N, C-alpha and C. Protein backbone atom coordinates (compact mmCIF):
# COMPACT_ATOMS: atom_id res chain seq x y z
N MET A 1 -24.49 11.03 -19.91
CA MET A 1 -23.27 10.32 -19.64
C MET A 1 -23.32 9.69 -18.25
N LYS A 2 -23.00 8.44 -18.18
CA LYS A 2 -23.07 7.72 -16.91
C LYS A 2 -21.99 8.24 -15.95
N LYS A 3 -22.39 8.55 -14.74
CA LYS A 3 -21.46 9.07 -13.74
C LYS A 3 -20.55 7.94 -13.26
N ASN A 4 -19.25 8.20 -13.21
CA ASN A 4 -18.31 7.19 -12.73
C ASN A 4 -18.58 6.90 -11.26
N LEU A 5 -18.51 5.63 -10.90
CA LEU A 5 -18.63 5.26 -9.49
C LEU A 5 -17.36 5.64 -8.73
N TYR A 6 -16.32 5.87 -9.47
CA TYR A 6 -15.03 6.14 -8.84
C TYR A 6 -14.46 7.41 -9.45
N SER A 7 -14.26 8.40 -8.67
CA SER A 7 -13.79 9.68 -9.17
C SER A 7 -12.26 9.69 -9.25
N PHE A 8 -11.72 9.53 -10.44
CA PHE A 8 -10.28 9.48 -10.62
C PHE A 8 -9.63 10.79 -10.18
N GLY A 9 -10.26 11.92 -10.46
CA GLY A 9 -9.69 13.21 -10.07
C GLY A 9 -9.58 13.35 -8.56
N ALA A 10 -10.62 12.95 -7.85
CA ALA A 10 -10.58 13.03 -6.39
C ALA A 10 -9.55 12.07 -5.82
N LEU A 11 -9.45 10.89 -6.42
CA LEU A 11 -8.46 9.91 -5.98
C LEU A 11 -7.05 10.45 -6.18
N LEU A 12 -6.80 11.00 -7.36
CA LEU A 12 -5.47 11.52 -7.65
C LEU A 12 -5.11 12.64 -6.70
N ALA A 13 -6.05 13.53 -6.42
CA ALA A 13 -5.78 14.62 -5.48
C ALA A 13 -5.51 14.08 -4.08
N ALA A 14 -6.29 13.09 -3.66
CA ALA A 14 -6.10 12.52 -2.32
C ALA A 14 -4.76 11.82 -2.19
N LEU A 15 -4.39 11.06 -3.21
CA LEU A 15 -3.12 10.35 -3.14
C LEU A 15 -1.93 11.29 -3.25
N ALA A 16 -2.06 12.32 -4.08
CA ALA A 16 -0.98 13.29 -4.20
C ALA A 16 -0.73 13.99 -2.87
N ALA A 17 -1.81 14.25 -2.14
CA ALA A 17 -1.68 14.92 -0.84
C ALA A 17 -0.98 14.05 0.18
N THR A 18 -0.93 12.74 -0.06
CA THR A 18 -0.33 11.85 0.94
C THR A 18 0.96 11.20 0.47
N LEU A 19 1.52 11.65 -0.61
CA LEU A 19 2.78 11.05 -1.06
C LEU A 19 3.83 11.08 0.04
N LEU A 20 3.82 12.12 0.83
CA LEU A 20 4.78 12.22 1.93
C LEU A 20 4.14 11.90 3.28
N LEU A 21 2.92 11.41 3.25
CA LEU A 21 2.19 11.06 4.47
C LEU A 21 2.24 12.18 5.51
N ALA A 22 1.50 13.21 5.25
CA ALA A 22 1.46 14.34 6.19
C ALA A 22 0.77 13.90 7.47
N PHE A 23 1.35 14.27 8.59
CA PHE A 23 0.81 13.87 9.89
C PHE A 23 0.63 15.09 10.76
N SER A 24 -0.28 14.99 11.69
CA SER A 24 -0.43 16.02 12.70
C SER A 24 0.65 15.80 13.75
N PRO A 25 0.98 16.83 14.52
CA PRO A 25 2.07 16.70 15.47
C PRO A 25 1.69 15.89 16.71
N ALA A 26 2.73 15.38 17.36
CA ALA A 26 2.52 14.71 18.63
C ALA A 26 2.28 15.77 19.69
N PRO A 27 1.58 15.45 20.77
CA PRO A 27 1.38 16.42 21.82
C PRO A 27 2.71 16.75 22.49
N PRO A 28 2.81 17.89 23.17
CA PRO A 28 4.07 18.30 23.77
C PRO A 28 4.72 17.24 24.65
N ALA A 29 3.94 16.48 25.43
CA ALA A 29 4.53 15.47 26.31
C ALA A 29 5.30 14.42 25.52
N LEU A 30 4.80 14.03 24.36
CA LEU A 30 5.51 13.06 23.54
C LEU A 30 6.68 13.70 22.82
N ALA A 31 6.50 14.93 22.38
CA ALA A 31 7.57 15.61 21.65
C ALA A 31 8.82 15.74 22.52
N SER A 32 8.65 15.99 23.82
CA SER A 32 9.80 16.16 24.69
C SER A 32 10.52 14.85 24.97
N THR A 33 9.88 13.72 24.69
CA THR A 33 10.53 12.44 24.92
C THR A 33 10.97 11.79 23.61
N GLY A 34 11.10 12.61 22.59
CA GLY A 34 11.58 12.09 21.32
C GLY A 34 10.48 11.69 20.37
N GLY A 35 9.25 12.06 20.67
CA GLY A 35 8.14 11.73 19.77
C GLY A 35 8.26 12.50 18.46
N GLN A 36 7.53 12.07 17.46
CA GLN A 36 7.56 12.75 16.17
C GLN A 36 6.92 14.12 16.29
N GLY A 37 7.53 15.11 15.68
CA GLY A 37 7.03 16.47 15.74
C GLY A 37 6.16 16.80 14.55
N PHE A 38 5.62 18.01 14.55
CA PHE A 38 4.74 18.45 13.49
C PHE A 38 5.44 18.38 12.14
N GLY A 39 4.72 17.95 11.13
CA GLY A 39 5.27 17.87 9.79
C GLY A 39 6.17 16.68 9.57
N GLN A 40 6.26 15.81 10.56
CA GLN A 40 7.10 14.62 10.44
C GLN A 40 6.57 13.73 9.31
N THR A 41 7.46 13.13 8.57
CA THR A 41 7.04 12.20 7.52
C THR A 41 7.47 10.79 7.91
N VAL A 42 6.79 9.82 7.37
CA VAL A 42 7.10 8.42 7.62
C VAL A 42 7.55 7.82 6.30
N ASN A 43 8.65 7.11 6.34
CA ASN A 43 9.15 6.44 5.15
C ASN A 43 8.18 5.31 4.80
N LEU A 44 7.84 5.19 3.52
CA LEU A 44 6.91 4.14 3.11
C LEU A 44 7.39 2.75 3.50
N ALA A 45 8.72 2.56 3.62
CA ALA A 45 9.25 1.26 4.02
C ALA A 45 8.79 0.90 5.43
N GLN A 46 8.57 1.90 6.29
CA GLN A 46 8.08 1.65 7.64
C GLN A 46 6.67 1.07 7.62
N LEU A 47 5.97 1.29 6.54
CA LEU A 47 4.59 0.81 6.43
C LEU A 47 4.48 -0.40 5.51
N ALA A 48 5.61 -1.06 5.24
CA ALA A 48 5.59 -2.26 4.39
C ALA A 48 4.62 -3.26 5.00
N GLY A 49 3.84 -3.89 4.18
CA GLY A 49 2.84 -4.83 4.67
C GLY A 49 1.51 -4.16 4.99
N GLU A 50 1.48 -2.84 5.01
CA GLU A 50 0.25 -2.10 5.27
C GLU A 50 -0.25 -1.45 3.98
N ILE A 51 0.62 -0.75 3.28
CA ILE A 51 0.26 0.01 2.09
C ILE A 51 -0.18 -0.93 0.98
N GLY A 52 -1.41 -0.72 0.51
CA GLY A 52 -1.93 -1.50 -0.61
C GLY A 52 -2.51 -2.85 -0.23
N TYR A 53 -2.61 -3.18 1.06
CA TYR A 53 -3.11 -4.48 1.48
C TYR A 53 -4.46 -4.45 2.16
N TYR A 54 -5.18 -3.36 2.01
CA TYR A 54 -6.49 -3.21 2.62
C TYR A 54 -7.56 -3.24 1.52
N GLN A 55 -8.80 -3.48 1.92
CA GLN A 55 -9.91 -3.52 0.98
C GLN A 55 -10.86 -2.37 1.24
N TRP A 56 -11.69 -2.08 0.25
CA TRP A 56 -12.71 -1.06 0.41
C TRP A 56 -13.68 -1.50 1.51
N PRO A 57 -14.09 -0.59 2.39
CA PRO A 57 -15.06 -0.96 3.42
C PRO A 57 -16.47 -1.16 2.87
N SER A 58 -16.62 -0.95 1.58
CA SER A 58 -17.91 -1.14 0.91
C SER A 58 -17.93 -2.41 0.07
N ARG A 59 -16.82 -3.10 0.04
CA ARG A 59 -16.61 -4.30 -0.79
C ARG A 59 -16.46 -3.97 -2.27
N HIS A 60 -16.57 -2.73 -2.65
CA HIS A 60 -16.36 -2.32 -4.03
C HIS A 60 -15.97 -0.85 -4.03
N ARG A 61 -15.37 -0.41 -5.10
CA ARG A 61 -15.00 1.00 -5.20
C ARG A 61 -16.25 1.86 -5.23
N VAL A 62 -16.16 3.00 -4.56
CA VAL A 62 -17.26 3.95 -4.55
C VAL A 62 -16.69 5.34 -4.78
N GLU A 63 -17.57 6.24 -5.12
CA GLU A 63 -17.16 7.62 -5.36
C GLU A 63 -16.63 8.25 -4.07
N ILE A 64 -15.60 9.04 -4.20
CA ILE A 64 -15.05 9.77 -3.06
C ILE A 64 -15.73 11.13 -3.03
N LEU A 65 -16.46 11.38 -1.94
CA LEU A 65 -17.20 12.63 -1.80
C LEU A 65 -16.32 13.75 -1.26
N ARG A 66 -15.41 13.41 -0.37
CA ARG A 66 -14.51 14.40 0.23
C ARG A 66 -13.17 13.73 0.48
N ALA A 67 -12.11 14.36 0.02
CA ALA A 67 -10.77 13.80 0.12
C ALA A 67 -10.14 14.04 1.49
N PHE A 68 -9.08 13.34 1.76
CA PHE A 68 -8.26 13.52 2.95
C PHE A 68 -7.58 14.88 2.89
N ASP A 69 -7.62 15.61 4.00
CA ASP A 69 -7.00 16.93 4.08
C ASP A 69 -6.42 17.06 5.49
N PRO A 70 -5.14 16.69 5.68
CA PRO A 70 -4.58 16.67 7.03
C PRO A 70 -4.59 18.06 7.67
N PRO A 71 -4.78 18.11 8.99
CA PRO A 71 -4.79 19.40 9.67
C PRO A 71 -3.40 20.03 9.67
N SER A 72 -3.37 21.36 9.76
CA SER A 72 -2.09 22.06 9.78
C SER A 72 -1.56 22.23 11.20
N SER A 73 -2.37 21.87 12.18
CA SER A 73 -1.96 21.92 13.59
C SER A 73 -2.71 20.81 14.32
N PRO A 74 -2.30 20.46 15.54
CA PRO A 74 -2.93 19.32 16.22
C PRO A 74 -4.46 19.39 16.28
N TRP A 75 -5.01 20.56 16.52
CA TRP A 75 -6.46 20.68 16.63
C TRP A 75 -7.01 21.57 15.53
N GLY A 76 -6.27 21.71 14.46
CA GLY A 76 -6.68 22.57 13.36
C GLY A 76 -7.75 21.93 12.49
N SER A 77 -8.26 22.75 11.60
CA SER A 77 -9.27 22.24 10.68
C SER A 77 -8.61 21.33 9.65
N GLY A 78 -9.39 20.53 9.05
CA GLY A 78 -8.92 19.57 8.05
C GLY A 78 -9.94 18.45 7.96
N HIS A 79 -9.62 17.45 7.19
CA HIS A 79 -10.49 16.29 7.07
C HIS A 79 -9.63 15.06 7.27
N ARG A 80 -9.80 14.40 8.38
CA ARG A 80 -8.91 13.35 8.85
C ARG A 80 -9.29 11.96 8.32
N GLY A 81 -9.81 11.92 7.13
CA GLY A 81 -10.19 10.67 6.48
C GLY A 81 -10.78 11.01 5.12
N VAL A 82 -11.53 10.08 4.57
CA VAL A 82 -12.23 10.32 3.31
C VAL A 82 -13.70 9.99 3.52
N ASP A 83 -14.57 10.68 2.81
CA ASP A 83 -15.99 10.36 2.82
C ASP A 83 -16.32 9.61 1.55
N LEU A 84 -16.92 8.44 1.70
CA LEU A 84 -17.25 7.58 0.58
C LEU A 84 -18.76 7.57 0.35
N ALA A 85 -19.16 7.64 -0.92
CA ALA A 85 -20.57 7.69 -1.30
C ALA A 85 -21.23 6.34 -1.05
N MET A 86 -21.85 6.23 0.10
CA MET A 86 -22.60 5.03 0.46
C MET A 86 -23.89 5.49 1.12
N PRO A 87 -25.02 4.92 0.75
CA PRO A 87 -26.29 5.35 1.36
C PRO A 87 -26.47 4.77 2.77
N ALA A 88 -27.23 5.49 3.59
CA ALA A 88 -27.59 4.98 4.92
C ALA A 88 -28.22 3.60 4.76
N GLY A 89 -27.90 2.71 5.68
CA GLY A 89 -28.39 1.35 5.62
C GLY A 89 -27.42 0.38 4.98
N SER A 90 -26.35 0.92 4.35
CA SER A 90 -25.34 0.05 3.72
C SER A 90 -24.58 -0.73 4.77
N GLU A 91 -24.21 -1.95 4.43
CA GLU A 91 -23.33 -2.72 5.29
C GLU A 91 -21.92 -2.17 5.15
N VAL A 92 -21.18 -2.17 6.26
CA VAL A 92 -19.79 -1.69 6.27
C VAL A 92 -18.92 -2.87 6.68
N PHE A 93 -17.78 -3.02 6.00
CA PHE A 93 -16.92 -4.17 6.18
C PHE A 93 -15.52 -3.75 6.63
N SER A 94 -14.89 -4.60 7.41
CA SER A 94 -13.53 -4.32 7.86
C SER A 94 -12.58 -4.32 6.67
N ALA A 95 -11.76 -3.30 6.60
CA ALA A 95 -10.82 -3.17 5.48
C ALA A 95 -9.69 -4.20 5.56
N ARG A 96 -9.47 -4.74 6.74
CA ARG A 96 -8.43 -5.76 6.94
C ARG A 96 -8.71 -6.45 8.28
N ALA A 97 -8.15 -7.61 8.48
CA ALA A 97 -8.32 -8.33 9.74
C ALA A 97 -7.73 -7.51 10.89
N GLY A 98 -8.29 -7.68 12.06
CA GLY A 98 -7.78 -6.97 13.22
C GLY A 98 -8.63 -7.24 14.44
N THR A 99 -8.52 -6.32 15.40
CA THR A 99 -9.25 -6.41 16.66
C THR A 99 -10.02 -5.12 16.88
N VAL A 100 -11.26 -5.24 17.32
CA VAL A 100 -12.06 -4.04 17.60
C VAL A 100 -11.38 -3.26 18.71
N PHE A 101 -11.07 -2.01 18.43
CA PHE A 101 -10.35 -1.12 19.35
C PHE A 101 -11.31 -0.21 20.10
N PHE A 102 -12.38 0.22 19.41
CA PHE A 102 -13.33 1.16 19.99
C PHE A 102 -14.70 0.96 19.34
N VAL A 103 -15.74 1.00 20.16
CA VAL A 103 -17.12 1.04 19.67
C VAL A 103 -17.82 2.05 20.57
N GLY A 104 -18.41 3.08 19.97
CA GLY A 104 -19.10 4.08 20.76
C GLY A 104 -19.46 5.27 19.90
N THR A 105 -19.51 6.45 20.51
CA THR A 105 -19.85 7.64 19.74
C THR A 105 -18.67 8.60 19.73
N ILE A 106 -18.51 9.26 18.60
CA ILE A 106 -17.52 10.32 18.41
C ILE A 106 -18.30 11.50 17.87
N ALA A 107 -18.25 12.62 18.58
CA ALA A 107 -19.00 13.82 18.20
C ALA A 107 -20.48 13.49 17.97
N GLY A 108 -21.02 12.62 18.81
CA GLY A 108 -22.43 12.28 18.74
C GLY A 108 -22.81 11.29 17.66
N LYS A 109 -21.82 10.73 16.95
CA LYS A 109 -22.11 9.78 15.87
C LYS A 109 -21.54 8.42 16.22
N PRO A 110 -22.30 7.34 15.92
CA PRO A 110 -21.78 6.00 16.22
C PRO A 110 -20.55 5.70 15.37
N SER A 111 -19.55 5.09 16.01
CA SER A 111 -18.28 4.81 15.34
C SER A 111 -17.71 3.49 15.81
N ILE A 112 -16.87 2.91 14.96
CA ILE A 112 -16.13 1.72 15.31
C ILE A 112 -14.71 1.87 14.76
N SER A 113 -13.73 1.48 15.57
CA SER A 113 -12.32 1.49 15.15
C SER A 113 -11.77 0.08 15.25
N ILE A 114 -10.97 -0.29 14.26
CA ILE A 114 -10.33 -1.60 14.21
C ILE A 114 -8.82 -1.41 14.22
N LYS A 115 -8.14 -2.08 15.13
CA LYS A 115 -6.67 -2.06 15.17
C LYS A 115 -6.20 -3.24 14.32
N HIS A 116 -5.45 -2.91 13.26
CA HIS A 116 -5.02 -3.94 12.31
C HIS A 116 -3.62 -4.44 12.57
N SER A 117 -2.78 -3.60 13.17
CA SER A 117 -1.39 -3.97 13.45
C SER A 117 -0.89 -3.04 14.54
N GLU A 118 0.37 -3.16 14.87
CA GLU A 118 0.96 -2.24 15.86
C GLU A 118 0.95 -0.81 15.34
N LEU A 119 0.91 -0.63 14.02
CA LEU A 119 0.96 0.70 13.43
C LEU A 119 -0.40 1.30 13.11
N ILE A 120 -1.31 0.52 12.56
CA ILE A 120 -2.49 1.07 11.90
C ILE A 120 -3.80 0.68 12.58
N ARG A 121 -4.69 1.67 12.67
CA ARG A 121 -6.09 1.39 13.00
C ARG A 121 -6.96 2.23 12.08
N THR A 122 -8.12 1.69 11.74
CA THR A 122 -9.06 2.40 10.88
C THR A 122 -10.34 2.68 11.66
N THR A 123 -11.02 3.77 11.27
CA THR A 123 -12.26 4.17 11.93
C THR A 123 -13.34 4.38 10.89
N TYR A 124 -14.56 4.01 11.25
CA TYR A 124 -15.71 4.04 10.36
C TYR A 124 -16.83 4.77 11.09
N THR A 125 -17.35 5.87 10.48
CA THR A 125 -18.37 6.72 11.11
C THR A 125 -19.37 7.16 10.05
N PRO A 126 -20.64 7.32 10.29
CA PRO A 126 -21.43 6.88 11.42
C PRO A 126 -21.88 5.44 11.22
N VAL A 127 -21.29 4.55 11.95
CA VAL A 127 -21.57 3.13 11.79
C VAL A 127 -22.01 2.55 13.12
N LYS A 128 -23.19 1.96 13.11
CA LYS A 128 -23.71 1.27 14.29
C LYS A 128 -23.24 -0.17 14.22
N SER A 129 -22.63 -0.63 15.31
CA SER A 129 -22.07 -1.98 15.33
C SER A 129 -22.52 -2.74 16.57
N GLU A 130 -22.68 -4.03 16.41
CA GLU A 130 -23.01 -4.91 17.53
C GLU A 130 -21.74 -5.55 18.10
N LEU A 131 -20.58 -5.28 17.49
CA LEU A 131 -19.32 -5.86 17.97
C LEU A 131 -18.90 -5.19 19.27
N THR A 132 -18.03 -5.86 20.00
CA THR A 132 -17.53 -5.32 21.26
C THR A 132 -16.01 -5.17 21.20
N VAL A 133 -15.48 -4.28 22.02
CA VAL A 133 -14.04 -4.06 22.09
C VAL A 133 -13.35 -5.39 22.39
N GLY A 134 -12.29 -5.67 21.63
CA GLY A 134 -11.53 -6.90 21.80
C GLY A 134 -11.93 -8.01 20.86
N ALA A 135 -13.07 -7.87 20.17
CA ALA A 135 -13.52 -8.90 19.23
C ALA A 135 -12.59 -8.95 18.02
N ALA A 136 -12.26 -10.15 17.58
CA ALA A 136 -11.45 -10.34 16.38
C ALA A 136 -12.34 -10.22 15.15
N VAL A 137 -11.83 -9.55 14.11
CA VAL A 137 -12.56 -9.44 12.84
C VAL A 137 -11.65 -9.90 11.72
N THR A 138 -12.25 -10.41 10.67
CA THR A 138 -11.49 -10.83 9.49
C THR A 138 -11.64 -9.81 8.38
N THR A 139 -10.75 -9.86 7.41
CA THR A 139 -10.84 -8.97 6.27
C THR A 139 -12.18 -9.19 5.57
N GLY A 140 -12.91 -8.10 5.33
CA GLY A 140 -14.19 -8.19 4.64
C GLY A 140 -15.37 -8.59 5.51
N GLN A 141 -15.14 -8.76 6.81
CA GLN A 141 -16.25 -9.11 7.71
C GLN A 141 -17.13 -7.90 7.93
N LYS A 142 -18.45 -8.11 7.97
CA LYS A 142 -19.37 -7.02 8.27
C LYS A 142 -19.10 -6.56 9.70
N ILE A 143 -18.89 -5.24 9.86
CA ILE A 143 -18.64 -4.68 11.18
C ILE A 143 -19.77 -3.78 11.65
N GLY A 144 -20.70 -3.46 10.76
CA GLY A 144 -21.82 -2.62 11.16
C GLY A 144 -22.62 -2.13 9.97
N THR A 145 -23.53 -1.21 10.29
CA THR A 145 -24.43 -0.64 9.28
C THR A 145 -24.30 0.88 9.30
N LEU A 146 -24.20 1.47 8.12
CA LEU A 146 -24.07 2.92 7.99
C LEU A 146 -25.38 3.59 8.37
N GLU A 147 -25.30 4.55 9.27
CA GLU A 147 -26.48 5.30 9.71
C GLU A 147 -26.58 6.61 8.94
N ALA A 148 -27.73 7.22 8.99
CA ALA A 148 -27.94 8.53 8.37
C ALA A 148 -27.27 9.60 9.23
N GLY A 149 -27.12 10.79 8.68
CA GLY A 149 -26.59 11.91 9.46
C GLY A 149 -25.23 12.38 9.01
N HIS A 150 -24.68 11.78 7.99
CA HIS A 150 -23.37 12.17 7.44
C HIS A 150 -23.40 11.88 5.96
N PRO A 151 -22.70 12.68 5.17
CA PRO A 151 -22.70 12.37 3.72
C PRO A 151 -21.86 11.13 3.42
N GLY A 152 -22.46 9.98 3.51
CA GLY A 152 -21.75 8.74 3.22
C GLY A 152 -20.97 8.23 4.42
N LEU A 153 -20.03 7.33 4.14
CA LEU A 153 -19.18 6.74 5.17
C LEU A 153 -17.91 7.55 5.33
N HIS A 154 -17.62 7.95 6.56
CA HIS A 154 -16.32 8.57 6.85
C HIS A 154 -15.38 7.43 7.22
N PHE A 155 -14.31 7.29 6.44
CA PHE A 155 -13.33 6.22 6.60
C PHE A 155 -11.99 6.87 6.91
N GLY A 156 -11.45 6.60 8.09
CA GLY A 156 -10.20 7.22 8.51
C GLY A 156 -9.17 6.18 8.89
N ALA A 157 -7.90 6.62 8.96
CA ALA A 157 -6.80 5.75 9.38
C ALA A 157 -5.84 6.54 10.24
N LYS A 158 -5.28 5.87 11.23
CA LYS A 158 -4.36 6.50 12.17
C LYS A 158 -3.16 5.61 12.44
N ILE A 159 -2.05 6.27 12.71
CA ILE A 159 -0.89 5.62 13.29
C ILE A 159 -0.80 6.20 14.69
N ASP A 160 -0.85 5.41 15.70
CA ASP A 160 -0.90 5.77 17.12
C ASP A 160 -2.06 6.71 17.40
N ASP A 161 -2.03 7.44 18.46
CA ASP A 161 -3.17 8.28 18.83
C ASP A 161 -3.17 9.66 18.21
N TYR A 162 -2.12 10.05 17.49
CA TYR A 162 -1.99 11.44 17.07
C TYR A 162 -1.74 11.66 15.59
N HIS A 163 -1.41 10.65 14.83
CA HIS A 163 -1.00 10.82 13.44
C HIS A 163 -2.00 10.19 12.49
N TYR A 164 -2.58 11.01 11.61
CA TYR A 164 -3.57 10.57 10.65
C TYR A 164 -2.89 10.31 9.31
N LEU A 165 -3.42 9.38 8.54
CA LEU A 165 -2.95 9.19 7.17
C LEU A 165 -4.13 8.89 6.27
N ASN A 166 -3.91 9.09 5.01
CA ASN A 166 -4.98 8.89 4.03
C ASN A 166 -5.29 7.40 3.93
N PRO A 167 -6.51 6.97 4.25
CA PRO A 167 -6.83 5.55 4.18
C PRO A 167 -6.80 4.99 2.76
N LEU A 168 -6.91 5.85 1.76
CA LEU A 168 -6.83 5.35 0.38
C LEU A 168 -5.45 4.81 0.07
N LEU A 169 -4.43 5.33 0.76
CA LEU A 169 -3.08 4.81 0.57
C LEU A 169 -3.01 3.35 1.01
N LEU A 170 -3.76 3.00 2.05
CA LEU A 170 -3.77 1.62 2.52
C LEU A 170 -4.42 0.67 1.51
N ILE A 171 -5.41 1.20 0.79
CA ILE A 171 -6.13 0.38 -0.18
C ILE A 171 -5.39 0.32 -1.51
N LEU A 172 -4.98 1.46 -2.01
CA LEU A 172 -4.46 1.55 -3.37
C LEU A 172 -2.95 1.51 -3.47
N GLY A 173 -2.25 1.80 -2.39
CA GLY A 173 -0.80 1.84 -2.43
C GLY A 173 -0.31 3.16 -2.98
N PRO A 174 1.01 3.35 -3.00
CA PRO A 174 1.58 4.62 -3.47
C PRO A 174 1.45 4.75 -4.99
N ILE A 175 1.47 5.98 -5.44
CA ILE A 175 1.47 6.24 -6.88
C ILE A 175 2.85 5.94 -7.43
N ARG A 176 2.89 5.22 -8.51
CA ARG A 176 4.16 4.92 -9.17
C ARG A 176 4.09 5.48 -10.58
N LEU A 177 4.93 6.45 -10.86
CA LEU A 177 4.97 7.02 -12.18
C LEU A 177 5.97 6.25 -13.03
N LEU A 178 5.56 5.87 -14.21
CA LEU A 178 6.42 5.14 -15.12
C LEU A 178 7.07 6.11 -16.09
N PRO A 179 8.30 5.81 -16.53
CA PRO A 179 8.96 6.71 -17.49
C PRO A 179 8.22 6.70 -18.82
N ASP A 180 8.23 7.85 -19.49
CA ASP A 180 7.63 7.95 -20.80
C ASP A 180 8.55 7.29 -21.81
N SER A 181 8.05 6.31 -22.54
CA SER A 181 8.92 5.60 -23.47
C SER A 181 8.69 5.99 -24.90
């Protein structure tokens, strides 16, 4: 039996985990000035124009190797993105137009982050890029090449510096259940 390129079960689990957009807490300095606290949820209306308007960083759907699993505390364990089945040497593409926010290493792995709006930025690891901070990118533009050393592409999304969200929500949008007729 041919293996699906896209794991519906993993997708469903990942999207179900983000229906309420679980976020990590803001640091104490922000919390005391009215910042969002731990377990804060964001109304999907606040993300209008973001949800469902991004593309796969592989230009096509790929198998999800590891789902999004938000941390239970600011520095707790979890998985702050999704791992996508892509072999080393694959080209990686910007999920949406934006500006290069960061190019460098994170935990010893090459990474690039793109700021797409005032709310959202995405990160791609381990990706070697020739782009520089401040460079404009278009939707679907090649931003780098996937390096070895990680099981596929780690694709993450953040709102500000402290709140993670499932990047699949940006690509696929929220789950809409239809009534049984």
